[in-house]
Amino acid sequence: MSEVGSEQLEHYIDTRALARRQVCEKVLKEARKIKDEPTKALIDILDVSDLTHEEKLIFVRRILHILQKLNTRKRRFTNAKNVANVVVQIGSVITPALVSIQASYDVYWSLFGVSLATGVLTTLLNLFSAERLSLMFSRSYEHMLSESFKFFATGDDEEFSDFVCKIEKLHLDDVKAELRSDKNTSSNDTLSRHDAMINRLMTDMKDDDSS
């Protein structure tokens, strides 16, 4: 290879390395806007780690993306579950108290509204498996966070590709569990409608026989 060709190759390699470093720094700068403290700690560790620019990009764009998505869903389901449980518990206390009060038009509709809200929220909690999904997302988030910190703590004891495969497997297990939950919910809803239809038909048949 000629001297000119060698210089051009070195210039190309340097340019590519500079471009990768600039992209990596830009991505890390954007990631630092995340307010979640454990994620911010991971970004600080990632910045001073010996990973290549490509590996850092994979970590930010994929691993941190999964962690942030899990954290968001965990907060949403936990907040929804807590609010619904509070309303259901308060409704369960208020309903008997309203029943014991001497009936009036206003009390009747208040009792109806409280009972309806309590029943609807209880049904929604069961329908969307809020309790189970909240626990699942919390467990998965903490597990992946722990694996990420252990990866940086152990140094070269674990290859980056093995770590990514482990995180992807955990994420896939969560997706499968969530899909199974949706499938079971849909099946239970279908069975409930089917049972209601059968009971209605049986009732109609009994009425016809009695008449």
C-alpha atoms as a PDB file:
ATOM      1  CA  MET A   1       0.000   0.000   0.000  1.00  0.00           C
ATOM      2  CA  SER A   2       1.360   3.404  -0.992  1.00  0.00           C
ATOM      3  CA  GLU A   3       2.108   6.111   1.551  1.00  0.00           C
ATOM      4  CA  VAL A   4      -0.744   8.281   0.211  1.00  0.00           C
ATOM      5  CA  GLY A   5      -3.204   5.392   0.478  1.00  0.00           C
ATOM      6  CA  SER A   6      -2.063   4.653   4.034  1.00  0.00           C
ATOM      7  CA  GLU A   7      -2.557   8.286   5.063  1.00  0.00           C
ATOM      8  CA  GLN A   8      -6.038   8.313   3.529  1.00  0.00           C
ATOM      9  CA  LEU A   9      -6.948   5.134   5.396  1.00  0.00           C
ATOM     10  CA  GLU A  10      -5.709   6.557   8.702  1.00  0.00           C
ATOM     11  CA  HIS A  11      -7.618   9.771   8.057  1.00  0.00           C
ATOM     12  CA  TYR A  12     -10.779   7.760   7.325  1.00  0.00           C
ATOM     13  CA  ILE A  13     -10.382   5.716  10.524  1.00  0.00           C
ATOM     14  CA  ASP A  14      -9.777   8.840  12.600  1.00  0.00           C
ATOM     15  CA  THR A  15     -12.808  10.537  11.057  1.00  0.00           C
ATOM     16  CA  ARG A  16     -15.025   7.534  11.776  1.00  0.00           C
ATOM     17  CA  ALA A  17     -13.764   7.338  15.367  1.00  0.00           C
ATOM     18  CA  LEU A  18     -14.391  11.038  15.864  1.00  0.00           C
ATOM     19  CA  ALA A  19     -17.919  10.716  14.456  1.00  0.00           C
ATOM     20  CA  ARG A  20     -18.694   7.774  16.750  1.00  0.00           C
ATOM     21  CA  ARG A  21     -17.374   9.674  19.777  1.00  0.00           C
ATOM     22  CA  GLN A  22     -19.445  12.752  18.917  1.00  0.00           C
ATOM     23  CA  VAL A  23     -22.612  10.688  18.477  1.00  0.00           C
ATOM     24  CA  CYS A  24     -21.951   8.879  21.755  1.00  0.00           C
ATOM     25  CA  GLU A  25     -21.388  12.146  23.635  1.00  0.00           C
ATOM     26  CA  LYS A  26     -24.592  13.594  22.162  1.00  0.00           C
ATOM     27  CA  VAL A  27     -26.621  10.547  23.189  1.00  0.00           C
ATOM     28  CA  LEU A  28     -25.160  10.564  26.708  1.00  0.00           C
ATOM     29  CA  LYS A  29     -25.926  14.273  27.019  1.00  0.00           C
ATOM     30  CA  GLU A  30     -29.559  13.637  26.090  1.00  0.00           C
ATOM     31  CA  ALA A  31     -29.744  10.684  28.497  1.00  0.00           C
ATOM     32  CA  ARG A  32     -28.590  12.863  31.395  1.00  0.00           C
ATOM     33  CA  LYS A  33     -31.924  14.695  31.193  1.00  0.00           C
ATOM     34  CA  ILE A  34     -33.577  11.643  32.730  1.00  0.00           C
ATOM     35  CA  LYS A  35     -34.657  12.472  36.284  1.00  0.00           C
ATOM     36  CA  ASP A  36     -34.679   8.912  37.627  1.00  0.00           C
ATOM     37  CA  GLU A  37     -31.818   8.716  40.137  1.00  0.00           C
ATOM     38  CA  PRO A  38     -30.764   5.068  39.533  1.00  0.00           C
ATOM     39  CA  THR A  39     -30.711   5.718  35.775  1.00  0.00           C
ATOM     40  CA  LYS A  40     -28.629   8.874  36.262  1.00  0.00           C
ATOM     41  CA  ALA A  41     -26.171   6.823  38.319  1.00  0.00           C
ATOM     42  CA  LEU A  42     -25.927   4.250  35.530  1.00  0.00           C
ATOM     43  CA  ILE A  43     -25.226   6.992  32.988  1.00  0.00           C
ATOM     44  CA  ASP A  44     -22.418   8.413  35.151  1.00  0.00           C
ATOM     45  CA  ILE A  45     -20.865   4.961  35.463  1.00  0.00           C
ATOM     46  CA  LEU A  46     -21.316   4.327  31.743  1.00  0.00           C
ATOM     47  CA  ASP A  47     -19.565   7.586  30.885  1.00  0.00           C
ATOM     48  CA  VAL A  48     -16.354   6.560  32.660  1.00  0.00           C
ATOM     49  CA  SER A  49     -16.504   2.871  31.718  1.00  0.00           C
ATOM     50  CA  ASP A  50     -14.185   1.120  29.254  1.00  0.00           C
ATOM     51  CA  LEU A  51     -17.015   0.188  26.881  1.00  0.00           C
ATOM     52  CA  THR A  52     -16.652   1.118  23.239  1.00  0.00           C
ATOM     53  CA  HIS A  53     -18.727   3.909  21.743  1.00  0.00           C
ATOM     54  CA  GLU A  54     -20.920   1.355  19.987  1.00  0.00           C
ATOM     55  CA  GLU A  55     -21.556  -0.521  23.241  1.00  0.00           C
ATOM     56  CA  LYS A  56     -22.398   2.721  25.052  1.00  0.00           C
ATOM     57  CA  LEU A  57     -24.897   3.590  22.309  1.00  0.00           C
ATOM     58  CA  ILE A  58     -26.490   0.147  22.621  1.00  0.00           C
ATOM     59  CA  PHE A  59     -26.694   0.548  26.383  1.00  0.00           C
ATOM     60  CA  VAL A  60     -28.361   3.957  26.197  1.00  0.00           C
ATOM     61  CA  ARG A  61     -30.644   3.311  23.250  1.00  0.00           C
ATOM     62  CA  ARG A  62     -31.773  -0.160  24.299  1.00  0.00           C
ATOM     63  CA  ILE A  63     -31.032  -1.017  27.919  1.00  0.00           C
ATOM     64  CA  LEU A  64     -31.936   2.399  29.329  1.00  0.00           C
ATOM     65  CA  HIS A  65     -34.968   2.533  27.051  1.00  0.00           C
ATOM     66  CA  ILE A  66     -36.249  -0.747  28.517  1.00  0.00           C
ATOM     67  CA  LEU A  67     -35.537   0.461  32.064  1.00  0.00           C
ATOM     68  CA  GLN A  68     -37.360   3.751  31.505  1.00  0.00           C
ATOM     69  CA  LYS A  69     -40.340   2.024  29.935  1.00  0.00           C
ATOM     70  CA  LEU A  70     -40.554  -0.396  32.846  1.00  0.00           C
ATOM     71  CA  ASN A  71     -40.228   2.415  35.378  1.00  0.00           C
ATOM     72  CA  THR A  72     -42.987   4.432  33.680  1.00  0.00           C
ATOM     73  CA  ARG A  73     -45.378   1.485  33.539  1.00  0.00           C
ATOM     74  CA  LYS A  74     -44.529   0.544  37.109  1.00  0.00           C
ATOM     75  CA  ARG A  75     -45.430   4.047  38.330  1.00  0.00           C
ATOM     76  CA  ARG A  76     -48.633   4.197  36.292  1.00  0.00           C
ATOM     77  CA  PHE A  77     -49.953   0.830  37.432  1.00  0.00           C
ATOM     78  CA  THR A  78     -48.892   1.433  41.033  1.00  0.00           C
ATOM     79  CA  ASN A  79     -50.554   4.860  41.155  1.00  0.00           C
ATOM     80  CA  ALA A  80     -53.723   3.584  39.479  1.00  0.00           C
ATOM     81  CA  LYS A  81     -53.837   0.605  41.836  1.00  0.00           C
ATOM     82  CA  ASN A  82     -53.330   2.770  44.923  1.00  0.00           C
ATOM     83  CA  VAL A  83     -55.969   5.334  43.927  1.00  0.00           C
ATOM     84  CA  ALA A  84     -58.490   2.631  43.025  1.00  0.00           C
ATOM     85  CA  ASN A  85     -57.854   0.737  46.275  1.00  0.00           C
ATOM     86  CA  VAL A  86     -58.329   3.909  48.321  1.00  0.00           C
ATOM     87  CA  VAL A  87     -61.626   4.679  46.581  1.00  0.00           C
ATOM     88  CA  VAL A  88     -62.817   1.078  46.955  1.00  0.00           C
ATOM     89  CA  GLN A  89     -61.949   0.985  50.654  1.00  0.00           C
ATOM     90  CA  ILE A  90     -63.609   4.337  51.338  1.00  0.00           C
ATOM     91  CA  GLY A  91     -66.641   3.267  49.307  1.00  0.00           C
ATOM     92  CA  SER A  92     -66.871   0.044  51.288  1.00  0.00           C
ATOM     93  CA  VAL A  93     -67.022   2.089  54.496  1.00  0.00           C
ATOM     94  CA  ILE A  94     -69.400   4.764  53.233  1.00  0.00           C
ATOM     95  CA  THR A  95     -71.937   2.416  51.620  1.00  0.00           C
ATOM     96  CA  PRO A  96     -73.111   0.717  54.881  1.00  0.00           C
ATOM     97  CA  ALA A  97     -73.227   4.128  56.570  1.00  0.00           C
ATOM     98  CA  LEU A  98     -75.489   5.514  53.856  1.00  0.00           C
ATOM     99  CA  VAL A  99     -77.700   2.421  53.998  1.00  0.00           C
ATOM    100  CA  SER A 100     -78.241   2.951  57.733  1.00  0.00           C
ATOM    101  CA  ILE A 101     -79.375   6.542  57.168  1.00  0.00           C
ATOM    102  CA  GLN A 102     -83.080   7.131  56.720  1.00  0.00           C
ATOM    103  CA  ALA A 103     -83.792   6.931  53.005  1.00  0.00           C
ATOM    104  CA  SER A 104     -84.238  10.138  51.067  1.00  0.00           C
ATOM    105  CA  TYR A 105     -83.856  11.129  47.434  1.00  0.00           C
ATOM    106  CA  ASP A 106     -80.371  12.615  47.881  1.00  0.00           C
ATOM    107  CA  VAL A 107     -79.142   9.733  50.033  1.00  0.00           C
ATOM    108  CA  TYR A 108     -80.460   7.212  47.526  1.00  0.00           C
ATOM    109  CA  TRP A 109     -78.509   8.710  44.630  1.00  0.00           C
ATOM    110  CA  SER A 110     -75.407   9.165  46.789  1.00  0.00           C
ATOM    111  CA  LEU A 111     -75.587   5.495  47.735  1.00  0.00           C
ATOM    112  CA  PHE A 112     -76.079   4.547  44.109  1.00  0.00           C
ATOM    113  CA  GLY A 113     -73.075   6.630  42.988  1.00  0.00           C
ATOM    114  CA  VAL A 114     -70.745   5.284  45.676  1.00  0.00           C
ATOM    115  CA  SER A 115     -71.782   1.685  45.016  1.00  0.00           C
ATOM    116  CA  LEU A 116     -71.374   2.142  41.266  1.00  0.00           C
ATOM    117  CA  ALA A 117     -67.908   3.707  41.598  1.00  0.00           C
ATOM    118  CA  THR A 118     -66.787   0.982  43.994  1.00  0.00           C
ATOM    119  CA  GLY A 119     -68.054  -1.770  41.723  1.00  0.00           C
ATOM    120  CA  VAL A 120     -66.566  -0.268  38.556  1.00  0.00           C
ATOM    121  CA  LEU A 121     -63.128   0.280  40.110  1.00  0.00           C
ATOM    122  CA  THR A 122     -63.071  -3.227  41.566  1.00  0.00           C
ATOM    123  CA  THR A 123     -63.957  -4.646  38.155  1.00  0.00           C
ATOM    124  CA  LEU A 124     -61.268  -2.568  36.433  1.00  0.00           C
ATOM    125  CA  LEU A 125     -58.625  -3.673  38.941  1.00  0.00           C
ATOM    126  CA  ASN A 126     -59.459  -7.305  38.264  1.00  0.00           C
ATOM    127  CA  LEU A 127     -59.882  -6.829  34.522  1.00  0.00           C
ATOM    128  CA  PHE A 128     -56.501  -5.239  33.931  1.00  0.00           C
ATOM    129  CA  SER A 129     -54.700  -7.251  36.652  1.00  0.00           C
ATOM    130  CA  ALA A 130     -53.365  -3.996  38.074  1.00  0.00           C
ATOM    131  CA  GLU A 131     -52.061  -5.586  41.282  1.00  0.00           C
ATOM    132  CA  ARG A 132     -50.163  -8.357  39.497  1.00  0.00           C
ATOM    133  CA  LEU A 133     -48.783  -6.145  36.716  1.00  0.00           C
ATOM    134  CA  SER A 134     -47.648  -3.525  39.212  1.00  0.00           C
ATOM    135  CA  LEU A 135     -45.669  -6.149  41.114  1.00  0.00           C
ATOM    136  CA  MET A 136     -44.323  -7.673  37.879  1.00  0.00           C
ATOM    137  CA  PHE A 137     -43.075  -4.351  36.498  1.00  0.00           C
ATOM    138  CA  SER A 138     -41.544  -3.393  39.858  1.00  0.00           C
ATOM    139  CA  ARG A 139     -39.735  -6.721  40.139  1.00  0.00           C
ATOM    140  CA  SER A 140     -38.489  -6.599  36.537  1.00  0.00           C
ATOM    141  CA  TYR A 141     -37.266  -3.013  36.881  1.00  0.00           C
ATOM    142  CA  GLU A 142     -35.308  -3.759  40.045  1.00  0.00           C
ATOM    143  CA  HIS A 143     -33.933  -6.995  38.555  1.00  0.00           C
ATOM    144  CA  MET A 144     -32.659  -5.300  35.374  1.00  0.00           C
ATOM    145  CA  LEU A 145     -31.277  -2.398  37.374  1.00  0.00           C
ATOM    146  CA  SER A 146     -29.434  -4.828  39.623  1.00  0.00           C
ATOM    147  CA  GLU A 147     -28.025  -6.727  36.627  1.00  0.00           C
ATOM    148  CA  SER A 148     -26.808  -3.453  35.096  1.00  0.00           C
ATOM    149  CA  PHE A 149     -24.964  -2.385  38.250  1.00  0.00           C
ATOM    150  CA  LYS A 150     -23.496  -5.873  38.666  1.00  0.00           C
ATOM    151  CA  PHE A 151     -22.233  -5.798  35.076  1.00  0.00           C
ATOM    152  CA  PHE A 152     -20.241  -2.607  35.711  1.00  0.00           C
ATOM    153  CA  ALA A 153     -19.101  -3.814  39.141  1.00  0.00           C
ATOM    154  CA  THR A 154     -17.686  -7.112  37.872  1.00  0.00           C
ATOM    155  CA  GLY A 155     -15.586  -5.487  35.157  1.00  0.00           C
ATOM    156  CA  ASP A 156     -14.418  -7.994  32.544  1.00  0.00           C
ATOM    157  CA  ASP A 157     -15.991 -11.011  34.241  1.00  0.00           C
ATOM    158  CA  GLU A 158     -18.961 -10.751  31.884  1.00  0.00           C
ATOM    159  CA  GLU A 159     -18.999  -9.893  28.210  1.00  0.00           C
ATOM    160  CA  PHE A 160     -21.190  -7.025  27.094  1.00  0.00           C
ATOM    161  CA  SER A 161     -22.990  -9.258  24.581  1.00  0.00           C
ATOM    162  CA  ASP A 162     -23.871 -11.747  27.343  1.00  0.00           C
ATOM    163  CA  PHE A 163     -25.198  -8.925  29.497  1.00  0.00           C
ATOM    164  CA  VAL A 164     -27.384  -7.597  26.655  1.00  0.00           C
ATOM    165  CA  CYS A 165     -28.711 -11.106  25.967  1.00  0.00           C
ATOM    166  CA  LYS A 166     -29.599 -11.485  29.660  1.00  0.00           C
ATOM    167  CA  ILE A 167     -31.496  -8.189  29.706  1.00  0.00           C
ATOM    168  CA  GLU A 168     -33.291  -9.048  26.461  1.00  0.00           C
ATOM    169  CA  LYS A 169     -34.338 -12.421  27.879  1.00  0.00           C
ATOM    170  CA  LEU A 170     -35.757 -10.754  30.999  1.00  0.00           C
ATOM    171  CA  HIS A 171     -37.609  -8.256  28.829  1.00  0.00           C
ATOM    172  CA  LEU A 172     -38.993 -11.012  26.598  1.00  0.00           C
ATOM    173  CA  ASP A 173     -40.201 -12.945  29.644  1.00  0.00           C
ATOM    174  CA  ASP A 174     -42.082  -9.838  30.801  1.00  0.00           C
ATOM    175  CA  VAL A 175     -43.686  -9.388  27.377  1.00  0.00           C
ATOM    176  CA  LYS A 176     -44.797 -13.037  27.339  1.00  0.00           C
ATOM    177  CA  ALA A 177     -46.228 -12.763  30.863  1.00  0.00           C
ATOM    178  CA  GLU A 178     -48.136  -9.603  29.943  1.00  0.00           C
ATOM    179  CA  LEU A 179     -49.520 -11.215  26.770  1.00  0.00           C
ATOM    180  CA  ARG A 180     -50.622 -14.265  28.762  1.00  0.00           C
ATOM    181  CA  SER A 181     -52.376 -11.935  31.207  1.00  0.00           C
ATOM    182  CA  ASP A 182     -54.200 -10.165  28.366  1.00  0.00           C
ATOM    183  CA  LYS A 183     -55.162 -13.500  26.831  1.00  0.00           C
ATOM    184  CA  ASN A 184     -56.482 -14.872  30.126  1.00  0.00           C
ATOM    185  CA  THR A 185     -58.427 -11.658  30.766  1.00  0.00           C
ATOM    186  CA  SER A 186     -59.992 -11.836  27.318  1.00  0.00           C
ATOM    187  CA  SER A 187     -60.816 -15.536  27.760  1.00  0.00           C
ATOM    188  CA  ASN A 188     -62.366 -14.959  31.176  1.00  0.00           C
ATOM    189  CA  ASP A 189     -64.446 -12.096  29.801  1.00  0.00           C
ATOM    190  CA  THR A 190     -65.648 -14.284  26.929  1.00  0.00           C
ATOM    191  CA  LEU A 191     -66.486 -17.137  29.291  1.00  0.00           C
ATOM    192  CA  SER A 192     -68.369 -14.766  31.604  1.00  0.00           C
ATOM    193  CA  ARG A 193     -70.502 -13.506  28.716  1.00  0.00           C
ATOM    194  CA  HIS A 194     -71.078 -17.095  27.579  1.00  0.00           C
ATOM    195  CA  ASP A 195     -72.137 -18.186  31.080  1.00  0.00           C
ATOM    196  CA  ALA A 196     -74.466 -15.190  31.375  1.00  0.00           C
ATOM    197  CA  MET A 197     -76.091 -16.076  28.057  1.00  0.00           C
ATOM    198  CA  ILE A 198     -76.576 -19.721  29.093  1.00  0.00           C
ATOM    199  CA  ASN A 199     -78.079 -18.675  32.441  1.00  0.00           C
ATOM    200  CA  ARG A 200     -80.442 -16.292  30.668  1.00  0.00           C
ATOM    201  CA  LEU A 201     -81.551 -19.032  28.260  1.00  0.00           C
ATOM    202  CA  MET A 202     -82.079 -21.491  31.118  1.00  0.00           C
ATOM    203  CA  THR A 203     -84.166 -18.902  32.984  1.00  0.00           C
ATOM    204  CA  ASP A 204     -86.296 -18.276  29.885  1.00  0.00           C
ATOM    205  CA  MET A 205     -86.839 -22.015  29.447  1.00  0.00           C
ATOM    206  CA  LYS A 206     -87.937 -22.397  33.072  1.00  0.00           C
ATOM    207  CA  ASP A 207     -90.375 -19.485  32.663  1.00  0.00           C
ATOM    208  CA  ASP A 208     -91.822 -21.096  29.544  1.00  0.00           C
ATOM    209  CA  ASP A 209     -92.229 -24.430  31.337  1.00  0.00           C
ATOM    210  CA  SER A 210     -93.942 -22.859  34.307  1.00  0.00           C
ATOM    211  CA  SER A 211     -96.378 -20.943  32.100  1.00  0.00           C
END
